[in-house]
């Protein structure tokens, strides 16, 4: 995780657009794969965290199968990190803390839009947000029970560094053992 944080920091320093963007792959209850990009962070020493609607397709996938894979891709640096592991919800307190850090307009939008549900058109979303805002008034926007965080605990991390001059790309992998210890190895590209 220290290496991942270092690579994230180097992506920020290099001006990579959305360096915290991670593609998350899940599997539905009927076995269909699904991948989507989201914003993730390393909020503690042992995991990656993101926040979303629990009732979304990814939330339903996670409920059925907690094994996931995340991929960070920083093309300008010719770097990629694959994170394979298990995922679980964060505590309500952690979700509340993150919620309170979000801008009010974001909170209103998250309350108004049930993620991945079909709507008649974009105007319906704008109207729904205005209705939530009118209902809440000047009060704090309450976090919906269906919105919160997920924590991805890695079982392995694979760091890929491109080498265009000879195509012998570096693939370094860290794997967590049964006792929680980590092993390190290098794979052929």
N, C-alpha and C. Protein backbone atom coordinates (compact mmCIF):
# COMPACT_ATOMS: atom_id res chain seq x y z
N UNK A 1 0.82 -1.19 0.00
CA UNK A 1 0.00 0.00 0.00
C UNK A 1 0.87 1.26 0.00
N UNK A 2 2.04 1.19 0.63
CA UNK A 2 2.95 2.34 0.59
C UNK A 2 3.37 2.63 -0.86
N UNK A 3 3.64 1.57 -1.61
CA UNK A 3 4.03 1.74 -3.01
C UNK A 3 2.88 2.34 -3.82
N UNK A 4 1.66 1.89 -3.57
CA UNK A 4 0.50 2.45 -4.28
C UNK A 4 0.35 3.93 -3.95
N UNK A 5 0.47 4.29 -2.69
CA UNK A 5 0.38 5.70 -2.32
C UNK A 5 1.48 6.52 -3.01
N UNK A 6 2.69 5.94 -3.09
CA UNK A 6 3.80 6.64 -3.76
C UNK A 6 3.48 6.85 -5.24
N UNK A 7 2.96 5.81 -5.91
CA UNK A 7 2.63 5.95 -7.33
C UNK A 7 1.48 6.95 -7.52
N UNK A 8 0.49 6.94 -6.65
CA UNK A 8 -0.60 7.92 -6.73
C UNK A 8 -0.03 9.33 -6.60
N UNK A 9 0.85 9.53 -5.64
CA UNK A 9 1.47 10.84 -5.42
C UNK A 9 2.26 11.28 -6.65
N UNK A 10 3.00 10.35 -7.25
CA UNK A 10 3.77 10.69 -8.45
C UNK A 10 2.86 11.02 -9.63
N UNK A 11 1.69 10.36 -9.70
CA UNK A 11 0.72 10.69 -10.76
C UNK A 11 0.16 12.09 -10.55
N UNK A 12 -0.12 12.45 -9.29
CA UNK A 12 -0.58 13.81 -8.97
C UNK A 12 0.50 14.82 -9.36
N UNK A 13 1.75 14.56 -8.93
CA UNK A 13 2.86 15.48 -9.22
C UNK A 13 3.09 15.64 -10.72
N UNK A 14 2.82 14.58 -11.50
CA UNK A 14 3.01 14.63 -12.95
C UNK A 14 1.83 15.30 -13.66
N UNK A 15 0.79 15.67 -12.91
CA UNK A 15 -0.36 16.33 -13.51
C UNK A 15 -1.29 15.41 -14.26
N UNK A 16 -1.27 14.11 -13.92
CA UNK A 16 -2.17 13.16 -14.56
C UNK A 16 -3.61 13.54 -14.23
N UNK A 17 -4.46 13.56 -15.23
CA UNK A 17 -5.88 13.87 -15.02
C UNK A 17 -6.55 12.77 -14.21
N UNK A 18 -7.23 13.15 -13.15
CA UNK A 18 -7.96 12.21 -12.28
C UNK A 18 -7.10 11.01 -11.84
N UNK A 19 -6.01 11.25 -11.14
CA UNK A 19 -5.13 10.15 -10.75
C UNK A 19 -5.79 9.14 -9.81
N UNK A 20 -6.83 9.54 -9.10
CA UNK A 20 -7.53 8.63 -8.18
C UNK A 20 -8.63 7.84 -8.87
N UNK A 21 -8.77 8.00 -10.19
CA UNK A 21 -9.78 7.23 -10.92
C UNK A 21 -9.34 5.76 -10.95
N UNK A 22 -10.26 4.89 -10.58
CA UNK A 22 -9.99 3.45 -10.57
C UNK A 22 -11.14 2.75 -11.28
N UNK A 23 -10.81 1.81 -12.14
CA UNK A 23 -11.83 0.97 -12.77
C UNK A 23 -12.08 -0.19 -11.81
N UNK A 24 -13.33 -0.37 -11.41
CA UNK A 24 -13.71 -1.45 -10.51
C UNK A 24 -14.47 -2.50 -11.30
N UNK A 25 -14.00 -3.74 -11.20
CA UNK A 25 -14.67 -4.86 -11.87
C UNK A 25 -15.35 -5.73 -10.82
N UNK A 26 -16.62 -6.04 -11.08
CA UNK A 26 -17.41 -6.91 -10.21
C UNK A 26 -18.05 -7.99 -11.09
N UNK A 27 -18.72 -8.93 -10.43
CA UNK A 27 -19.43 -9.99 -11.14
C UNK A 27 -20.85 -10.05 -10.58
N UNK A 28 -21.84 -10.06 -11.47
CA UNK A 28 -23.24 -10.10 -11.05
C UNK A 28 -23.59 -11.48 -10.51
N UNK A 29 -24.74 -11.59 -9.82
CA UNK A 29 -25.15 -12.90 -9.30
C UNK A 29 -25.27 -13.97 -10.39
N UNK A 30 -25.56 -13.56 -11.64
CA UNK A 30 -25.66 -14.56 -12.72
C UNK A 30 -24.34 -14.74 -13.48
N UNK A 31 -23.25 -14.16 -12.95
CA UNK A 31 -21.93 -14.40 -13.52
C UNK A 31 -21.47 -13.43 -14.58
N UNK A 32 -22.22 -12.37 -14.84
CA UNK A 32 -21.83 -11.39 -15.86
C UNK A 32 -20.84 -10.38 -15.27
N UNK A 33 -19.70 -10.17 -15.94
CA UNK A 33 -18.75 -9.17 -15.45
C UNK A 33 -19.25 -7.76 -15.72
N UNK A 34 -18.81 -6.83 -14.89
CA UNK A 34 -19.18 -5.43 -15.06
C UNK A 34 -18.02 -4.59 -14.56
N UNK A 35 -17.67 -3.56 -15.30
CA UNK A 35 -16.58 -2.67 -14.90
C UNK A 35 -17.03 -1.23 -15.08
N UNK A 36 -16.57 -0.37 -14.17
CA UNK A 36 -16.88 1.05 -14.26
C UNK A 36 -15.79 1.82 -13.55
N UNK A 37 -15.60 3.09 -13.96
CA UNK A 37 -14.61 3.96 -13.33
C UNK A 37 -15.27 4.71 -12.18
N UNK A 38 -14.50 4.90 -11.12
CA UNK A 38 -14.97 5.65 -9.97
C UNK A 38 -13.77 6.32 -9.32
N UNK A 39 -14.01 7.20 -8.38
CA UNK A 39 -12.93 7.88 -7.68
C UNK A 39 -12.68 7.14 -6.36
N UNK A 40 -11.43 6.77 -6.14
CA UNK A 40 -11.06 5.99 -4.96
C UNK A 40 -9.95 6.70 -4.19
N UNK A 41 -9.77 6.29 -2.96
CA UNK A 41 -8.72 6.87 -2.15
C UNK A 41 -8.11 5.84 -1.23
N UNK A 42 -6.89 6.11 -0.77
CA UNK A 42 -6.24 5.25 0.21
C UNK A 42 -6.39 5.95 1.55
N UNK A 43 -7.44 5.62 2.27
CA UNK A 43 -7.76 6.32 3.50
C UNK A 43 -7.11 5.72 4.74
N UNK A 44 -6.59 4.53 4.63
CA UNK A 44 -5.86 3.93 5.74
C UNK A 44 -4.71 3.11 5.19
N UNK A 45 -3.97 2.47 6.06
CA UNK A 45 -2.76 1.75 5.67
C UNK A 45 -3.05 0.49 4.87
N UNK A 46 -4.26 -0.08 5.00
CA UNK A 46 -4.50 -1.41 4.47
C UNK A 46 -5.57 -1.53 3.40
N UNK A 47 -6.17 -0.41 2.95
CA UNK A 47 -7.30 -0.55 2.04
C UNK A 47 -7.47 0.65 1.13
N UNK A 48 -8.37 0.47 0.17
CA UNK A 48 -8.78 1.52 -0.76
C UNK A 48 -10.28 1.72 -0.53
N UNK A 49 -10.71 2.96 -0.47
CA UNK A 49 -12.10 3.26 -0.15
C UNK A 49 -12.74 4.10 -1.25
N UNK A 50 -14.02 3.84 -1.51
CA UNK A 50 -14.80 4.70 -2.39
C UNK A 50 -16.23 4.74 -1.84
N UNK A 51 -16.99 5.72 -2.31
CA UNK A 51 -18.35 5.93 -1.82
C UNK A 51 -19.32 5.95 -2.99
N UNK A 52 -20.50 5.35 -2.78
CA UNK A 52 -21.47 5.20 -3.86
C UNK A 52 -22.82 4.82 -3.28
N UNK A 53 -23.78 4.57 -4.17
CA UNK A 53 -25.10 4.08 -3.77
C UNK A 53 -25.03 2.56 -3.59
N UNK A 54 -25.45 2.08 -2.43
CA UNK A 54 -25.45 0.64 -2.16
C UNK A 54 -26.43 -0.13 -3.05
N UNK A 55 -27.49 0.55 -3.51
CA UNK A 55 -28.50 -0.12 -4.33
C UNK A 55 -28.16 -0.10 -5.82
N UNK A 56 -27.00 0.43 -6.17
CA UNK A 56 -26.58 0.48 -7.58
C UNK A 56 -26.23 -0.92 -8.07
N UNK A 57 -26.07 -1.10 -9.37
CA UNK A 57 -25.65 -2.41 -9.86
C UNK A 57 -24.36 -2.90 -9.21
N UNK A 58 -23.38 -2.01 -9.01
CA UNK A 58 -22.14 -2.47 -8.37
C UNK A 58 -22.40 -2.88 -6.93
N UNK A 59 -23.30 -2.18 -6.24
CA UNK A 59 -23.66 -2.56 -4.88
C UNK A 59 -24.31 -3.92 -4.82
N UNK A 60 -25.20 -4.19 -5.76
CA UNK A 60 -25.85 -5.52 -5.80
C UNK A 60 -24.83 -6.60 -6.15
N UNK A 61 -23.91 -6.30 -7.07
CA UNK A 61 -22.85 -7.26 -7.40
C UNK A 61 -22.01 -7.58 -6.16
N UNK A 62 -21.63 -6.55 -5.43
CA UNK A 62 -20.79 -6.72 -4.25
C UNK A 62 -21.53 -7.53 -3.18
N UNK A 63 -22.84 -7.28 -3.04
CA UNK A 63 -23.63 -8.07 -2.08
C UNK A 63 -23.57 -9.55 -2.42
N UNK A 64 -23.54 -9.87 -3.71
CA UNK A 64 -23.55 -11.27 -4.15
C UNK A 64 -22.16 -11.90 -4.15
N UNK A 65 -21.12 -11.08 -4.38
CA UNK A 65 -19.76 -11.62 -4.48
C UNK A 65 -18.80 -10.51 -4.07
N UNK A 66 -18.14 -10.68 -2.94
CA UNK A 66 -17.27 -9.62 -2.41
C UNK A 66 -15.86 -9.62 -3.03
N UNK A 67 -15.60 -10.51 -3.98
CA UNK A 67 -14.31 -10.51 -4.67
C UNK A 67 -14.36 -9.53 -5.84
N UNK A 68 -13.44 -8.57 -5.85
CA UNK A 68 -13.42 -7.55 -6.89
C UNK A 68 -11.99 -7.30 -7.34
N UNK A 69 -11.88 -6.54 -8.42
CA UNK A 69 -10.56 -6.09 -8.88
C UNK A 69 -10.68 -4.62 -9.27
N UNK A 70 -9.69 -3.85 -8.87
CA UNK A 70 -9.61 -2.45 -9.25
C UNK A 70 -8.35 -2.22 -10.06
N UNK A 71 -8.42 -1.27 -10.99
CA UNK A 71 -7.25 -0.94 -11.83
C UNK A 71 -7.10 0.57 -11.88
N UNK A 72 -5.91 1.03 -11.51
CA UNK A 72 -5.51 2.42 -11.72
C UNK A 72 -4.65 2.43 -12.98
N UNK A 73 -4.89 3.40 -13.87
CA UNK A 73 -4.13 3.50 -15.11
C UNK A 73 -3.67 4.94 -15.27
N UNK A 74 -2.35 5.12 -15.35
CA UNK A 74 -1.76 6.43 -15.57
C UNK A 74 -0.97 6.37 -16.87
N UNK A 75 -1.66 6.53 -17.98
CA UNK A 75 -1.07 6.38 -19.31
C UNK A 75 0.15 7.28 -19.53
N UNK A 76 0.13 8.57 -19.15
CA UNK A 76 1.32 9.40 -19.41
C UNK A 76 2.58 8.88 -18.72
N UNK A 77 2.41 8.15 -17.63
CA UNK A 77 3.57 7.59 -16.91
C UNK A 77 3.86 6.15 -17.31
N UNK A 78 3.03 5.60 -18.21
CA UNK A 78 3.12 4.19 -18.61
C UNK A 78 3.10 3.30 -17.37
N UNK A 79 2.08 3.54 -16.51
CA UNK A 79 1.95 2.78 -15.27
C UNK A 79 0.52 2.29 -15.10
N UNK A 80 0.43 1.15 -14.46
CA UNK A 80 -0.87 0.57 -14.12
C UNK A 80 -0.70 -0.20 -12.81
N UNK A 81 -1.72 -0.16 -11.96
CA UNK A 81 -1.74 -0.98 -10.74
C UNK A 81 -3.05 -1.74 -10.71
N UNK A 82 -2.95 -3.06 -10.60
CA UNK A 82 -4.11 -3.94 -10.41
C UNK A 82 -4.20 -4.27 -8.92
N UNK A 83 -5.41 -4.13 -8.37
CA UNK A 83 -5.64 -4.42 -6.96
C UNK A 83 -6.74 -5.48 -6.89
N UNK A 84 -6.38 -6.68 -6.45
CA UNK A 84 -7.35 -7.77 -6.33
C UNK A 84 -7.59 -8.03 -4.85
N UNK A 85 -8.88 -8.16 -4.46
CA UNK A 85 -9.16 -8.40 -3.06
C UNK A 85 -10.64 -8.53 -2.79
N UNK A 86 -10.97 -8.35 -1.53
CA UNK A 86 -12.36 -8.43 -1.09
C UNK A 86 -12.82 -7.06 -0.63
N UNK A 87 -14.14 -6.90 -0.66
CA UNK A 87 -14.70 -5.59 -0.39
C UNK A 87 -15.83 -5.70 0.63
N UNK A 88 -15.96 -4.69 1.47
CA UNK A 88 -17.02 -4.65 2.49
C UNK A 88 -17.41 -3.19 2.72
N UNK A 89 -18.60 -2.99 3.25
CA UNK A 89 -19.07 -1.63 3.53
C UNK A 89 -18.25 -1.00 4.66
N UNK A 90 -18.09 0.32 4.57
CA UNK A 90 -17.47 1.06 5.67
C UNK A 90 -18.51 1.21 6.78
N UNK A 91 -18.09 1.69 7.92
CA UNK A 91 -19.02 1.92 9.02
C UNK A 91 -19.93 3.11 8.68
N UNK A 92 -21.13 3.15 9.27
CA UNK A 92 -21.99 4.32 9.06
C UNK A 92 -21.29 5.62 9.47
N UNK A 93 -20.49 5.58 10.53
CA UNK A 93 -19.78 6.79 10.97
C UNK A 93 -18.81 7.28 9.90
N UNK A 94 -18.09 6.35 9.26
CA UNK A 94 -17.17 6.75 8.20
C UNK A 94 -17.93 7.30 7.00
N UNK A 95 -19.06 6.67 6.67
CA UNK A 95 -19.88 7.17 5.56
C UNK A 95 -20.42 8.56 5.88
N UNK A 96 -20.85 8.78 7.14
CA UNK A 96 -21.34 10.10 7.55
C UNK A 96 -20.25 11.15 7.45
N UNK A 97 -19.04 10.79 7.87
CA UNK A 97 -17.92 11.72 7.82
C UNK A 97 -17.62 12.13 6.38
N UNK A 98 -17.58 11.15 5.48
CA UNK A 98 -17.34 11.46 4.07
C UNK A 98 -18.47 12.32 3.52
N UNK A 99 -19.72 11.94 3.81
CA UNK A 99 -20.89 12.68 3.34
C UNK A 99 -20.79 14.15 3.74
N UNK A 100 -20.43 14.40 4.99
CA UNK A 100 -20.39 15.78 5.47
C UNK A 100 -19.26 16.58 4.81
N UNK A 101 -18.28 15.90 4.22
CA UNK A 101 -17.19 16.59 3.54
C UNK A 101 -17.55 16.99 2.11
N UNK A 102 -18.63 16.47 1.59
CA UNK A 102 -19.03 16.72 0.20
C UNK A 102 -19.75 18.06 0.08
N UNK A 103 -19.63 18.73 -1.05
CA UNK A 103 -20.36 19.98 -1.26
C UNK A 103 -21.88 19.74 -1.21
N UNK A 104 -22.59 20.74 -0.72
CA UNK A 104 -24.05 20.64 -0.59
C UNK A 104 -24.71 20.27 -1.93
N UNK A 105 -24.25 20.86 -3.03
CA UNK A 105 -24.86 20.57 -4.33
C UNK A 105 -24.68 19.09 -4.70
N UNK A 106 -23.55 18.51 -4.33
CA UNK A 106 -23.31 17.09 -4.57
C UNK A 106 -24.25 16.25 -3.72
N UNK A 107 -24.40 16.62 -2.45
CA UNK A 107 -25.32 15.90 -1.56
C UNK A 107 -26.75 15.92 -2.12
N UNK A 108 -27.19 17.08 -2.58
CA UNK A 108 -28.55 17.19 -3.13
C UNK A 108 -28.70 16.31 -4.37
N UNK A 109 -27.69 16.33 -5.24
CA UNK A 109 -27.75 15.51 -6.45
C UNK A 109 -27.79 14.02 -6.10
N UNK A 110 -27.00 13.60 -5.11
CA UNK A 110 -26.99 12.19 -4.71
C UNK A 110 -28.32 11.77 -4.10
N UNK A 111 -28.99 12.68 -3.42
CA UNK A 111 -30.31 12.37 -2.86
C UNK A 111 -31.39 12.31 -3.96
N UNK A 112 -31.21 13.11 -4.99
CA UNK A 112 -32.22 13.21 -6.04
C UNK A 112 -32.14 12.09 -7.07
N UNK A 113 -30.95 11.52 -7.27
CA UNK A 113 -30.76 10.56 -8.35
C UNK A 113 -30.44 9.18 -7.80
N UNK A 114 -31.30 8.24 -8.06
CA UNK A 114 -31.04 6.86 -7.69
C UNK A 114 -30.13 6.29 -8.77
N UNK A 115 -28.88 6.03 -8.41
CA UNK A 115 -27.84 5.69 -9.39
C UNK A 115 -28.23 4.53 -10.29
N UNK A 116 -28.03 4.74 -11.59
CA UNK A 116 -28.22 3.73 -12.65
C UNK A 116 -29.68 3.37 -12.90
N UNK A 117 -30.62 4.16 -12.40
CA UNK A 117 -32.03 3.95 -12.69
C UNK A 117 -32.40 4.81 -13.90
N UNK A 118 -33.12 4.24 -14.83
CA UNK A 118 -33.54 4.99 -16.03
C UNK A 118 -34.49 6.12 -15.64
N UNK A 119 -34.31 7.29 -16.26
CA UNK A 119 -35.19 8.44 -16.05
C UNK A 119 -35.68 8.90 -17.41
N UNK A 120 -36.75 9.67 -17.40
CA UNK A 120 -37.35 10.09 -18.68
C UNK A 120 -36.41 10.98 -19.49
N UNK A 121 -35.68 11.88 -18.80
CA UNK A 121 -34.72 12.75 -19.45
C UNK A 121 -33.94 13.49 -18.37
N UNK A 122 -32.98 14.30 -18.79
CA UNK A 122 -32.14 15.01 -17.83
C UNK A 122 -32.94 16.02 -17.01
N UNK A 123 -33.98 16.59 -17.62
CA UNK A 123 -34.81 17.56 -16.91
C UNK A 123 -35.44 16.93 -15.67
N UNK A 124 -35.77 15.65 -15.72
CA UNK A 124 -36.34 14.97 -14.56
C UNK A 124 -35.35 14.97 -13.39
N UNK A 125 -34.06 14.84 -13.68
CA UNK A 125 -33.05 14.88 -12.62
C UNK A 125 -32.93 16.28 -12.02
N UNK A 126 -32.95 17.28 -12.88
CA UNK A 126 -32.86 18.67 -12.40
C UNK A 126 -34.06 18.98 -11.52
N UNK A 127 -35.24 18.54 -11.94
CA UNK A 127 -36.46 18.76 -11.16
C UNK A 127 -36.39 18.02 -9.82
N UNK A 128 -35.91 16.79 -9.83
CA UNK A 128 -35.81 16.01 -8.60
C UNK A 128 -34.84 16.67 -7.62
N UNK A 129 -33.74 17.20 -8.12
CA UNK A 129 -32.77 17.88 -7.25
C UNK A 129 -33.41 19.13 -6.63
N UNK A 130 -34.14 19.90 -7.43
CA UNK A 130 -34.82 21.09 -6.92
C UNK A 130 -35.85 20.73 -5.86
N UNK A 131 -36.55 19.61 -6.05
CA UNK A 131 -37.53 19.16 -5.06
C UNK A 131 -36.86 18.77 -3.75
N UNK A 132 -35.74 18.08 -3.83
CA UNK A 132 -35.00 17.72 -2.61
C UNK A 132 -34.53 18.99 -1.90
N UNK A 133 -34.00 19.93 -2.67
CA UNK A 133 -33.52 21.18 -2.08
C UNK A 133 -34.65 21.94 -1.39
N UNK A 134 -35.83 21.99 -2.01
CA UNK A 134 -36.98 22.67 -1.41
C UNK A 134 -37.42 21.97 -0.13
N UNK A 135 -37.39 20.66 -0.12
CA UNK A 135 -37.80 19.87 1.05
C UNK A 135 -36.83 20.06 2.22
N UNK A 136 -35.53 20.07 1.92
CA UNK A 136 -34.52 20.19 2.96
C UNK A 136 -34.41 21.62 3.48
N UNK A 137 -34.63 22.58 2.60
CA UNK A 137 -34.49 23.98 3.00
C UNK A 137 -33.05 24.29 3.34
N UNK A 138 -32.86 25.02 4.45
CA UNK A 138 -31.52 25.41 4.87
C UNK A 138 -30.86 24.38 5.79
N UNK A 139 -31.58 23.32 6.11
CA UNK A 139 -31.04 22.30 7.02
C UNK A 139 -29.93 21.51 6.34
N UNK A 140 -29.18 20.77 7.15
CA UNK A 140 -28.17 19.89 6.58
C UNK A 140 -28.86 18.81 5.76
N UNK A 141 -28.22 18.40 4.68
CA UNK A 141 -28.77 17.36 3.82
C UNK A 141 -28.43 16.01 4.45
N UNK A 142 -29.45 15.23 4.84
CA UNK A 142 -29.17 13.95 5.49
C UNK A 142 -28.64 12.92 4.49
N UNK A 143 -27.67 12.12 4.94
CA UNK A 143 -27.14 11.05 4.09
C UNK A 143 -28.19 9.96 3.96
N UNK A 144 -28.54 9.58 2.72
CA UNK A 144 -29.49 8.47 2.55
C UNK A 144 -28.87 7.16 3.07
N UNK A 145 -29.71 6.30 3.63
CA UNK A 145 -29.23 5.00 4.11
C UNK A 145 -28.63 4.18 2.98
N UNK A 146 -29.03 4.47 1.75
CA UNK A 146 -28.55 3.71 0.60
C UNK A 146 -27.24 4.25 0.03
N UNK A 147 -26.64 5.24 0.69
CA UNK A 147 -25.38 5.81 0.22
C UNK A 147 -24.31 5.62 1.29
N UNK A 148 -23.15 5.14 0.87
CA UNK A 148 -22.06 4.98 1.83
C UNK A 148 -20.81 4.46 1.16
N UNK A 149 -19.88 4.03 1.99
CA UNK A 149 -18.58 3.63 1.49
C UNK A 149 -18.37 2.14 1.40
N UNK A 150 -17.38 1.79 0.59
CA UNK A 150 -16.88 0.43 0.49
C UNK A 150 -15.37 0.47 0.70
N UNK A 151 -14.86 -0.54 1.36
CA UNK A 151 -13.43 -0.67 1.60
C UNK A 151 -12.91 -1.92 0.90
N UNK A 152 -11.98 -1.73 -0.03
CA UNK A 152 -11.34 -2.83 -0.76
C UNK A 152 -10.04 -3.17 -0.04
N UNK A 153 -9.98 -4.39 0.49
CA UNK A 153 -8.78 -4.87 1.17
C UNK A 153 -8.02 -5.77 0.20
N UNK A 154 -6.84 -5.34 -0.24
CA UNK A 154 -6.11 -6.10 -1.25
C UNK A 154 -5.59 -7.44 -0.74
N UNK A 155 -5.70 -8.44 -1.62
CA UNK A 155 -5.02 -9.72 -1.41
C UNK A 155 -3.77 -9.77 -2.29
N UNK A 156 -3.79 -8.97 -3.37
CA UNK A 156 -2.60 -8.82 -4.19
C UNK A 156 -2.63 -7.46 -4.88
N UNK A 157 -1.44 -6.95 -5.14
CA UNK A 157 -1.27 -5.70 -5.88
C UNK A 157 -0.20 -5.96 -6.93
N UNK A 158 -0.54 -5.64 -8.18
CA UNK A 158 0.40 -5.81 -9.28
C UNK A 158 0.74 -4.44 -9.86
N UNK A 159 2.01 -4.11 -9.84
CA UNK A 159 2.51 -2.85 -10.36
C UNK A 159 3.14 -3.10 -11.72
N UNK A 160 2.65 -2.38 -12.75
CA UNK A 160 3.14 -2.54 -14.12
C UNK A 160 3.77 -1.23 -14.54
N UNK A 161 5.02 -1.30 -14.97
CA UNK A 161 5.73 -0.12 -15.48
C UNK A 161 6.16 -0.41 -16.91
N UNK A 162 5.65 0.41 -17.84
CA UNK A 162 5.99 0.23 -19.25
C UNK A 162 7.45 0.55 -19.53
N UNK A 163 8.00 -0.16 -20.50
CA UNK A 163 9.37 0.05 -20.99
C UNK A 163 9.32 -0.04 -22.51
N UNK A 164 8.91 1.04 -23.19
CA UNK A 164 8.72 0.98 -24.64
C UNK A 164 10.00 0.70 -25.41
N UNK A 165 11.17 1.00 -24.83
CA UNK A 165 12.42 0.81 -25.58
C UNK A 165 12.73 -0.66 -25.84
N UNK A 166 12.30 -1.57 -24.95
CA UNK A 166 12.61 -2.98 -25.18
C UNK A 166 11.42 -3.91 -24.94
N UNK A 167 10.27 -3.35 -24.58
CA UNK A 167 9.04 -4.10 -24.34
C UNK A 167 9.16 -5.11 -23.19
N UNK A 168 10.24 -5.01 -22.40
CA UNK A 168 10.37 -5.86 -21.21
C UNK A 168 9.78 -5.10 -20.02
N UNK A 169 8.46 -4.92 -20.08
CA UNK A 169 7.75 -4.18 -19.05
C UNK A 169 7.95 -4.83 -17.68
N UNK A 170 8.04 -4.01 -16.66
CA UNK A 170 8.19 -4.51 -15.29
C UNK A 170 6.82 -4.87 -14.74
N UNK A 171 6.67 -6.07 -14.22
CA UNK A 171 5.45 -6.49 -13.53
C UNK A 171 5.85 -7.02 -12.16
N UNK A 172 5.63 -6.21 -11.14
CA UNK A 172 5.97 -6.59 -9.78
C UNK A 172 4.67 -6.87 -9.03
N UNK A 173 4.62 -7.97 -8.29
CA UNK A 173 3.40 -8.35 -7.60
C UNK A 173 3.67 -8.62 -6.12
N UNK A 174 2.78 -8.06 -5.31
CA UNK A 174 2.79 -8.32 -3.88
C UNK A 174 1.55 -9.17 -3.60
N UNK A 175 1.72 -10.27 -2.85
CA UNK A 175 0.59 -11.14 -2.51
C UNK A 175 0.56 -11.35 -1.00
N UNK A 176 -0.66 -11.25 -0.44
CA UNK A 176 -0.84 -11.43 1.00
C UNK A 176 -0.99 -12.92 1.30
N UNK A 177 -0.21 -13.40 2.26
CA UNK A 177 -0.28 -14.79 2.67
C UNK A 177 -1.40 -15.03 3.67
N UNK A 178 -1.61 -16.28 4.04
CA UNK A 178 -2.68 -16.68 4.96
C UNK A 178 -2.55 -16.00 6.33
N UNK A 179 -1.32 -15.69 6.75
CA UNK A 179 -1.11 -15.05 8.06
C UNK A 179 -1.06 -13.53 7.95
N UNK A 180 -1.33 -12.98 6.76
CA UNK A 180 -1.33 -11.53 6.57
C UNK A 180 0.01 -10.97 6.15
N UNK A 181 1.02 -11.84 6.02
CA UNK A 181 2.32 -11.37 5.57
C UNK A 181 2.32 -11.24 4.05
N UNK A 182 3.22 -10.43 3.53
CA UNK A 182 3.26 -10.15 2.10
C UNK A 182 4.50 -10.79 1.47
N UNK A 183 4.31 -11.36 0.29
CA UNK A 183 5.45 -11.85 -0.50
C UNK A 183 5.57 -10.96 -1.73
N UNK A 184 6.74 -10.98 -2.35
CA UNK A 184 7.02 -10.13 -3.50
C UNK A 184 7.61 -10.99 -4.62
N UNK A 185 7.20 -10.69 -5.85
CA UNK A 185 7.77 -11.38 -7.00
C UNK A 185 7.71 -10.52 -8.24
N UNK A 186 8.45 -10.93 -9.24
CA UNK A 186 8.47 -10.23 -10.53
C UNK A 186 7.99 -11.22 -11.58
N UNK A 187 7.05 -10.79 -12.46
CA UNK A 187 6.51 -11.64 -13.51
C UNK A 187 6.99 -11.15 -14.87
N UNK A 188 7.05 -12.07 -15.80
CA UNK A 188 7.38 -11.70 -17.18
C UNK A 188 6.22 -10.86 -17.75
N UNK A 189 6.56 -9.94 -18.65
CA UNK A 189 5.49 -9.08 -19.20
C UNK A 189 4.53 -9.84 -19.97
